[in-house]
Amino acid sequence: MLLAWGFAAYLLSLILRKGNKSKAANKAENKNDKGENTMSKKLVAYFSASGTTASVAKNLANAAGAELYEIKPAVPYSKADLNWMDKQSRSSVEMRDKSSRPELADTDANIANYDTIFVGFPIWWYIAPTIINSFLEAYDFSGKKIVLFATSGGSGFGKAVESLQPSAPKATITEGEILNGRPGNAKLKTFADKY
C-alpha cells in the first residue's frame, strides 16, 4: 500500500511540474527553430468619446493578453461637440464630410510590432468616427489584420469596413463584434481568440 501511495505521489509531482512550466520555458516553446517569436502579437487600439468604448477596450486587451493604445484627438470632444441632434456640432460636421480627418494627439502606436490590431470605436451614423480614418492613415498597416469592435446605442457596423478600407488598403479589415454592455472575460477571450 505504501508503495502505491509513493508511486501516486511521484506521478502527481510529474503532472504538476509539467503544468507549472517557467515563463522562460513557455516562451521557448513559442519560438521557431531560428529563435524567432511565433506568437501573434496583438494590440487593442480604441477611440472613446464617453468612456463606454474605453471600458470594453481595456477588458478586451486584458482578456486577449494584448497591449492597449488610446486613439486621442488633438482637441478633445466636448459634450456639445458630441450632440448629434445639432447639425452644426463638431461630430455632425465631421461625419457629413467624408474627407474629414480630425488631427490625432499623437502617433505613438508602434504598429510594426503587431500582427493583429483590434480597433474599437463607438458607431456614429452607422460607420466609424472619422478619427479612425485618421488613425489608419497615420501608419503603415501593410499585411496587418485589423479586427473591428464597436459599441453602439442600437445600430450595427453598417458600412464601417467599406468606409475604413481605403484608409488602410494593404491591410485586411474584418468586421468583428458589437460589444455592448459589460461583456465578460470569457466572451472577450473567445472573440479575441478567433483572430
C-alpha atoms as a PDB file:
ATOM      1  CA  MET A   1       0.000   0.000   0.000  1.00  0.00           C
ATOM      2  CA  LEU A   2       2.832   2.387   0.877  1.00  0.00           C
ATOM      3  CA  LEU A   3       4.468   1.673  -2.480  1.00  0.00           C
ATOM      4  CA  ALA A   4       1.210   2.554  -4.296  1.00  0.00           C
ATOM      5  CA  TRP A   5       0.983   5.896  -2.429  1.00  0.00           C
ATOM      6  CA  GLY A   6       4.601   6.657  -3.240  1.00  0.00           C
ATOM      7  CA  PHE A   7       4.033   5.935  -6.921  1.00  0.00           C
ATOM      8  CA  ALA A   8       0.872   8.105  -6.939  1.00  0.00           C
ATOM      9  CA  ALA A   9       2.774  10.986  -5.319  1.00  0.00           C
ATOM     10  CA  TYR A  10       5.545  10.625  -7.909  1.00  0.00           C
ATOM     11  CA  LEU A  11       3.008  10.784 -10.787  1.00  0.00           C
ATOM     12  CA  LEU A  12       1.294  13.795  -9.240  1.00  0.00           C
ATOM     13  CA  SER A  13       4.608  15.639  -8.948  1.00  0.00           C
ATOM     14  CA  LEU A  14       5.327  14.993 -12.649  1.00  0.00           C
ATOM     15  CA  ILE A  15       1.906  16.294 -13.651  1.00  0.00           C
ATOM     16  CA  LEU A  16       2.262  19.407 -11.507  1.00  0.00           C
ATOM     17  CA  ARG A  17       5.761  20.097 -12.827  1.00  0.00           C
ATOM     18  CA  LYS A  18       4.559  19.851 -16.433  1.00  0.00           C
ATOM     19  CA  GLY A  19       1.643  22.228 -15.738  1.00  0.00           C
ATOM     20  CA  ASN A  20       3.816  24.792 -13.946  1.00  0.00           C
ATOM     21  CA  LYS A  21       6.478  25.474 -16.540  1.00  0.00           C
ATOM     22  CA  SER A  22       8.535  28.555 -16.088  1.00  0.00           C
ATOM     23  CA  LYS A  23       7.829  31.616 -18.209  1.00  0.00           C
ATOM     24  CA  ALA A  24      11.139  31.048 -19.941  1.00  0.00           C
ATOM     25  CA  ALA A  25      10.109  27.505 -20.899  1.00  0.00           C
ATOM     26  CA  ASN A  26       6.753  28.726 -22.207  1.00  0.00           C
ATOM     27  CA  LYS A  27       8.484  31.496 -24.202  1.00  0.00           C
ATOM     28  CA  ALA A  28      10.933  28.979 -25.642  1.00  0.00           C
ATOM     29  CA  GLU A  29       8.027  26.876 -26.931  1.00  0.00           C
ATOM     30  CA  ASN A  30       6.704  29.947 -28.804  1.00  0.00           C
ATOM     31  CA  LYS A  31       9.869  30.281 -30.880  1.00  0.00           C
ATOM     32  CA  ASN A  32      10.670  28.613 -34.179  1.00  0.00           C
ATOM     33  CA  ASP A  33      13.945  26.838 -34.944  1.00  0.00           C
ATOM     34  CA  LYS A  34      15.581  30.216 -35.713  1.00  0.00           C
ATOM     35  CA  GLY A  35      14.647  31.518 -32.260  1.00  0.00           C
ATOM     36  CA  GLU A  36      12.057  33.934 -33.698  1.00  0.00           C
ATOM     37  CA  ASN A  37       8.870  34.577 -31.762  1.00  0.00           C
ATOM     38  CA  THR A  38       5.929  32.781 -33.387  1.00  0.00           C
ATOM     39  CA  MET A  39       3.216  34.123 -31.108  1.00  0.00           C
ATOM     40  CA  SER A  40       0.813  36.563 -32.709  1.00  0.00           C
ATOM     41  CA  LYS A  41       1.281  39.985 -31.175  1.00  0.00           C
ATOM     42  CA  LYS A  42      -1.955  41.860 -30.594  1.00  0.00           C
ATOM     43  CA  LEU A  43      -2.847  45.481 -29.987  1.00  0.00           C
ATOM     44  CA  VAL A  44      -6.175  46.910 -28.893  1.00  0.00           C
ATOM     45  CA  ALA A  45      -6.439  50.483 -30.205  1.00  0.00           C
ATOM     46  CA  TYR A  46      -9.568  52.418 -29.375  1.00  0.00           C
ATOM     47  CA  PHE A  47     -11.295  55.768 -29.589  1.00  0.00           C
ATOM     48  CA  SER A  48     -13.841  56.538 -26.897  1.00  0.00           C
ATOM     49  CA  ALA A  49     -15.891  59.709 -26.705  1.00  0.00           C
ATOM     50  CA  SER A  50     -17.752  58.983 -23.479  1.00  0.00           C
ATOM     51  CA  GLY A  51     -15.805  56.187 -21.784  1.00  0.00           C
ATOM     52  CA  THR A  52     -18.036  53.303 -22.892  1.00  0.00           C
ATOM     53  CA  THR A  53     -15.707  52.028 -25.606  1.00  0.00           C
ATOM     54  CA  ALA A  54     -12.676  52.612 -23.335  1.00  0.00           C
ATOM     55  CA  SER A  55     -14.080  50.254 -20.724  1.00  0.00           C
ATOM     56  CA  VAL A  56     -14.707  47.494 -23.272  1.00  0.00           C
ATOM     57  CA  ALA A  57     -11.267  48.033 -24.872  1.00  0.00           C
ATOM     58  CA  LYS A  58      -9.443  47.704 -21.551  1.00  0.00           C
ATOM     59  CA  ASN A  59     -11.283  44.488 -20.752  1.00  0.00           C
ATOM     60  CA  LEU A  60     -10.636  43.122 -24.262  1.00  0.00           C
ATOM     61  CA  ALA A  61      -6.905  43.886 -24.004  1.00  0.00           C
ATOM     62  CA  ASN A  62      -6.793  42.081 -20.671  1.00  0.00           C
ATOM     63  CA  ALA A  63      -8.689  39.050 -21.998  1.00  0.00           C
ATOM     64  CA  ALA A  64      -6.571  38.881 -25.171  1.00  0.00           C
ATOM     65  CA  GLY A  65      -3.228  39.475 -23.463  1.00  0.00           C
ATOM     66  CA  ALA A  66      -2.813  42.453 -25.796  1.00  0.00           C
ATOM     67  CA  GLU A  67      -1.235  45.883 -25.490  1.00  0.00           C
ATOM     68  CA  LEU A  68      -3.601  48.866 -25.198  1.00  0.00           C
ATOM     69  CA  TYR A  69      -3.465  52.151 -27.108  1.00  0.00           C
ATOM     70  CA  GLU A  70      -5.910  55.060 -26.929  1.00  0.00           C
ATOM     71  CA  ILE A  71      -6.638  56.938 -30.156  1.00  0.00           C
ATOM     72  CA  LYS A  72      -6.989  60.532 -28.960  1.00  0.00           C
ATOM     73  CA  PRO A  73      -7.966  63.635 -30.904  1.00  0.00           C
ATOM     74  CA  ALA A  74      -5.608  66.618 -30.666  1.00  0.00           C
ATOM     75  CA  VAL A  75      -8.623  68.611 -29.490  1.00  0.00           C
ATOM     76  CA  PRO A  76     -10.819  66.513 -27.159  1.00  0.00           C
ATOM     77  CA  TYR A  77     -14.530  66.339 -27.914  1.00  0.00           C
ATOM     78  CA  SER A  78     -16.784  68.335 -25.603  1.00  0.00           C
ATOM     79  CA  LYS A  79     -20.333  67.333 -24.751  1.00  0.00           C
ATOM     80  CA  ALA A  80     -21.568  69.983 -27.214  1.00  0.00           C
ATOM     81  CA  ASP A  81     -19.260  68.545 -29.903  1.00  0.00           C
ATOM     82  CA  LEU A  82     -20.960  65.170 -29.500  1.00  0.00           C
ATOM     83  CA  ASN A  83     -24.548  66.446 -29.742  1.00  0.00           C
ATOM     84  CA  TRP A  84     -25.682  64.533 -32.818  1.00  0.00           C
ATOM     85  CA  MET A  85     -29.034  66.358 -32.761  1.00  0.00           C
ATOM     86  CA  ASP A  86     -27.217  69.643 -33.524  1.00  0.00           C
ATOM     87  CA  LYS A  87     -26.367  69.679 -37.227  1.00  0.00           C
ATOM     88  CA  GLN A  88     -23.594  72.207 -36.514  1.00  0.00           C
ATOM     89  CA  SER A  89     -21.902  70.202 -33.757  1.00  0.00           C
ATOM     90  CA  ARG A  90     -18.337  69.127 -34.420  1.00  0.00           C
ATOM     91  CA  SER A  91     -19.202  65.432 -34.709  1.00  0.00           C
ATOM     92  CA  SER A  92     -22.123  66.130 -37.070  1.00  0.00           C
ATOM     93  CA  VAL A  93     -19.951  68.301 -39.327  1.00  0.00           C
ATOM     94  CA  GLU A  94     -17.120  65.723 -39.361  1.00  0.00           C
ATOM     95  CA  MET A  95     -19.437  62.838 -40.156  1.00  0.00           C
ATOM     96  CA  ARG A  96     -21.130  64.689 -43.036  1.00  0.00           C
ATOM     97  CA  ASP A  97     -17.726  65.404 -44.598  1.00  0.00           C
ATOM     98  CA  LYS A  98     -16.285  62.054 -45.727  1.00  0.00           C
ATOM     99  CA  SER A  99     -12.865  63.698 -46.200  1.00  0.00           C
ATOM    100  CA  SER A 100     -12.758  64.959 -42.609  1.00  0.00           C
ATOM    101  CA  ARG A 101      -9.687  63.713 -40.749  1.00  0.00           C
ATOM    102  CA  PRO A 102      -9.549  65.003 -37.166  1.00  0.00           C
ATOM    103  CA  GLU A 103      -5.978  65.557 -36.027  1.00  0.00           C
ATOM    104  CA  LEU A 104      -4.545  62.930 -33.685  1.00  0.00           C
ATOM    105  CA  ALA A 105      -2.997  63.888 -30.349  1.00  0.00           C
ATOM    106  CA  ASP A 106      -0.042  61.585 -31.097  1.00  0.00           C
ATOM    107  CA  THR A 107       1.188  58.838 -33.394  1.00  0.00           C
ATOM    108  CA  ASP A 108       2.991  56.765 -30.776  1.00  0.00           C
ATOM    109  CA  ALA A 109       1.440  53.361 -31.554  1.00  0.00           C
ATOM    110  CA  ASN A 110       4.205  51.012 -32.686  1.00  0.00           C
ATOM    111  CA  ILE A 111       2.052  49.285 -35.309  1.00  0.00           C
ATOM    112  CA  ALA A 112       5.068  47.477 -36.801  1.00  0.00           C
ATOM    113  CA  ASN A 113       5.280  45.426 -33.589  1.00  0.00           C
ATOM    114  CA  TYR A 114       1.845  43.819 -34.020  1.00  0.00           C
ATOM    115  CA  ASP A 115       0.262  41.241 -36.307  1.00  0.00           C
ATOM    116  CA  THR A 116      -3.356  41.775 -35.271  1.00  0.00           C
ATOM    117  CA  ILE A 117      -4.822  45.133 -34.328  1.00  0.00           C
ATOM    118  CA  PHE A 118      -8.258  45.306 -32.745  1.00  0.00           C
ATOM    119  CA  VAL A 119      -9.687  48.753 -33.482  1.00  0.00           C
ATOM    120  CA  GLY A 120     -12.594  49.881 -31.319  1.00  0.00           C
ATOM    121  CA  PHE A 121     -14.919  52.844 -31.558  1.00  0.00           C
ATOM    122  CA  PRO A 122     -18.472  53.975 -30.929  1.00  0.00           C
ATOM    123  CA  ILE A 123     -20.716  53.692 -34.005  1.00  0.00           C
ATOM    124  CA  TRP A 124     -21.539  57.153 -35.356  1.00  0.00           C
ATOM    125  CA  TRP A 125     -24.025  57.423 -38.218  1.00  0.00           C
ATOM    126  CA  TYR A 126     -23.688  53.689 -38.993  1.00  0.00           C
ATOM    127  CA  ILE A 127     -19.913  53.921 -39.518  1.00  0.00           C
ATOM    128  CA  ALA A 128     -16.734  54.548 -37.566  1.00  0.00           C
ATOM    129  CA  PRO A 129     -15.957  58.129 -36.486  1.00  0.00           C
ATOM    130  CA  THR A 130     -13.610  59.798 -38.980  1.00  0.00           C
ATOM    131  CA  ILE A 131     -10.843  59.888 -36.361  1.00  0.00           C
ATOM    132  CA  ILE A 132     -10.489  56.148 -37.043  1.00  0.00           C
ATOM    133  CA  ASN A 133      -9.647  57.019 -40.658  1.00  0.00           C
ATOM    134  CA  SER A 134      -7.075  59.484 -39.287  1.00  0.00           C
ATOM    135  CA  PHE A 135      -5.548  56.700 -37.200  1.00  0.00           C
ATOM    136  CA  LEU A 136      -5.428  54.204 -40.078  1.00  0.00           C
ATOM    137  CA  GLU A 137      -3.871  56.762 -42.422  1.00  0.00           C
ATOM    138  CA  ALA A 138      -1.172  57.714 -39.887  1.00  0.00           C
ATOM    139  CA  TYR A 139       0.552  54.289 -40.014  1.00  0.00           C
ATOM    140  CA  ASP A 140       1.614  51.565 -42.407  1.00  0.00           C
ATOM    141  CA  PHE A 141      -0.783  48.647 -41.901  1.00  0.00           C
ATOM    142  CA  SER A 142       0.576  46.599 -44.832  1.00  0.00           C
ATOM    143  CA  GLY A 143      -0.009  42.899 -44.201  1.00  0.00           C
ATOM    144  CA  LYS A 144      -1.726  43.552 -40.862  1.00  0.00           C
ATOM    145  CA  LYS A 145      -5.028  42.087 -39.731  1.00  0.00           C
ATOM    146  CA  ILE A 146      -7.401  44.747 -38.402  1.00  0.00           C
ATOM    147  CA  VAL A 147     -10.404  43.477 -36.457  1.00  0.00           C
ATOM    148  CA  LEU A 148     -13.121  45.989 -35.683  1.00  0.00           C
ATOM    149  CA  PHE A 149     -15.142  46.069 -32.491  1.00  0.00           C
ATOM    150  CA  ALA A 150     -17.609  48.723 -31.512  1.00  0.00           C
ATOM    151  CA  THR A 151     -20.114  49.967 -29.019  1.00  0.00           C
ATOM    152  CA  SER A 152     -23.439  51.249 -30.197  1.00  0.00           C
ATOM    153  CA  GLY A 153     -26.689  52.690 -28.970  1.00  0.00           C
ATOM    154  CA  GLY A 154     -28.581  50.376 -31.288  1.00  0.00           C
ATOM    155  CA  SER A 155     -27.112  50.204 -34.775  1.00  0.00           C
ATOM    156  CA  GLY A 156     -24.751  47.656 -36.248  1.00  0.00           C
ATOM    157  CA  PHE A 157     -21.493  48.203 -38.123  1.00  0.00           C
ATOM    158  CA  GLY A 158     -23.329  49.460 -41.181  1.00  0.00           C
ATOM    159  CA  LYS A 159     -20.679  50.364 -43.766  1.00  0.00           C
ATOM    160  CA  ALA A 160     -17.779  50.628 -41.313  1.00  0.00           C
ATOM    161  CA  VAL A 161     -15.472  48.208 -43.150  1.00  0.00           C
ATOM    162  CA  GLU A 162     -16.302  49.789 -46.502  1.00  0.00           C
ATOM    163  CA  SER A 163     -15.598  53.300 -45.194  1.00  0.00           C
ATOM    164  CA  LEU A 164     -12.317  52.304 -43.478  1.00  0.00           C
ATOM    165  CA  GLN A 165     -10.708  50.016 -46.076  1.00  0.00           C
ATOM    166  CA  PRO A 166      -9.446  52.903 -48.286  1.00  0.00           C
ATOM    167  CA  SER A 167      -7.584  54.278 -45.245  1.00  0.00           C
ATOM    168  CA  ALA A 168      -5.591  51.024 -44.870  1.00  0.00           C
ATOM    169  CA  PRO A 169      -5.661  49.492 -48.363  1.00  0.00           C
ATOM    170  CA  LYS A 170      -2.901  46.935 -47.744  1.00  0.00           C
ATOM    171  CA  ALA A 171      -4.474  45.573 -44.555  1.00  0.00           C
ATOM    172  CA  THR A 172      -7.219  43.029 -44.090  1.00  0.00           C
ATOM    173  CA  ILE A 173     -10.081  44.697 -42.213  1.00  0.00           C
ATOM    174  CA  THR A 174     -12.617  42.382 -40.619  1.00  0.00           C
ATOM    175  CA  GLU A 175     -15.951  43.244 -39.041  1.00  0.00           C
ATOM    176  CA  GLY A 176     -15.644  41.851 -35.542  1.00  0.00           C
ATOM    177  CA  GLU A 177     -18.417  42.330 -32.998  1.00  0.00           C
ATOM    178  CA  ILE A 178     -20.572  44.948 -31.363  1.00  0.00           C
ATOM    179  CA  LEU A 179     -19.571  44.665 -27.686  1.00  0.00           C
ATOM    180  CA  ASN A 180     -22.263  46.497 -25.763  1.00  0.00           C
ATOM    181  CA  GLY A 181     -22.892  46.329 -22.044  1.00  0.00           C
ATOM    182  CA  ARG A 182     -20.289  44.588 -19.952  1.00  0.00           C
ATOM    183  CA  PRO A 183     -19.158  41.539 -21.889  1.00  0.00           C
ATOM    184  CA  GLY A 184     -17.491  39.035 -19.602  1.00  0.00           C
ATOM    185  CA  ASN A 185     -13.862  37.948 -19.781  1.00  0.00           C
ATOM    186  CA  ALA A 186     -14.802  34.553 -21.295  1.00  0.00           C
ATOM    187  CA  LYS A 187     -16.788  36.179 -24.125  1.00  0.00           C
ATOM    188  CA  LEU A 188     -13.987  38.665 -24.834  1.00  0.00           C
ATOM    189  CA  LYS A 189     -11.340  35.918 -24.818  1.00  0.00           C
ATOM    190  CA  THR A 190     -13.429  33.806 -27.212  1.00  0.00           C
ATOM    191  CA  PHE A 191     -13.799  36.814 -29.503  1.00  0.00           C
ATOM    192  CA  ALA A 192     -10.065  37.650 -29.405  1.00  0.00           C
ATOM    193  CA  ASP A 193      -9.014  34.024 -29.917  1.00  0.00           C
ATOM    194  CA  LYS A 194     -10.842  33.919 -33.270  1.00  0.00           C
ATOM    195  CA  TYR A 195      -8.153  36.213 -34.627  1.00  0.00           C
END
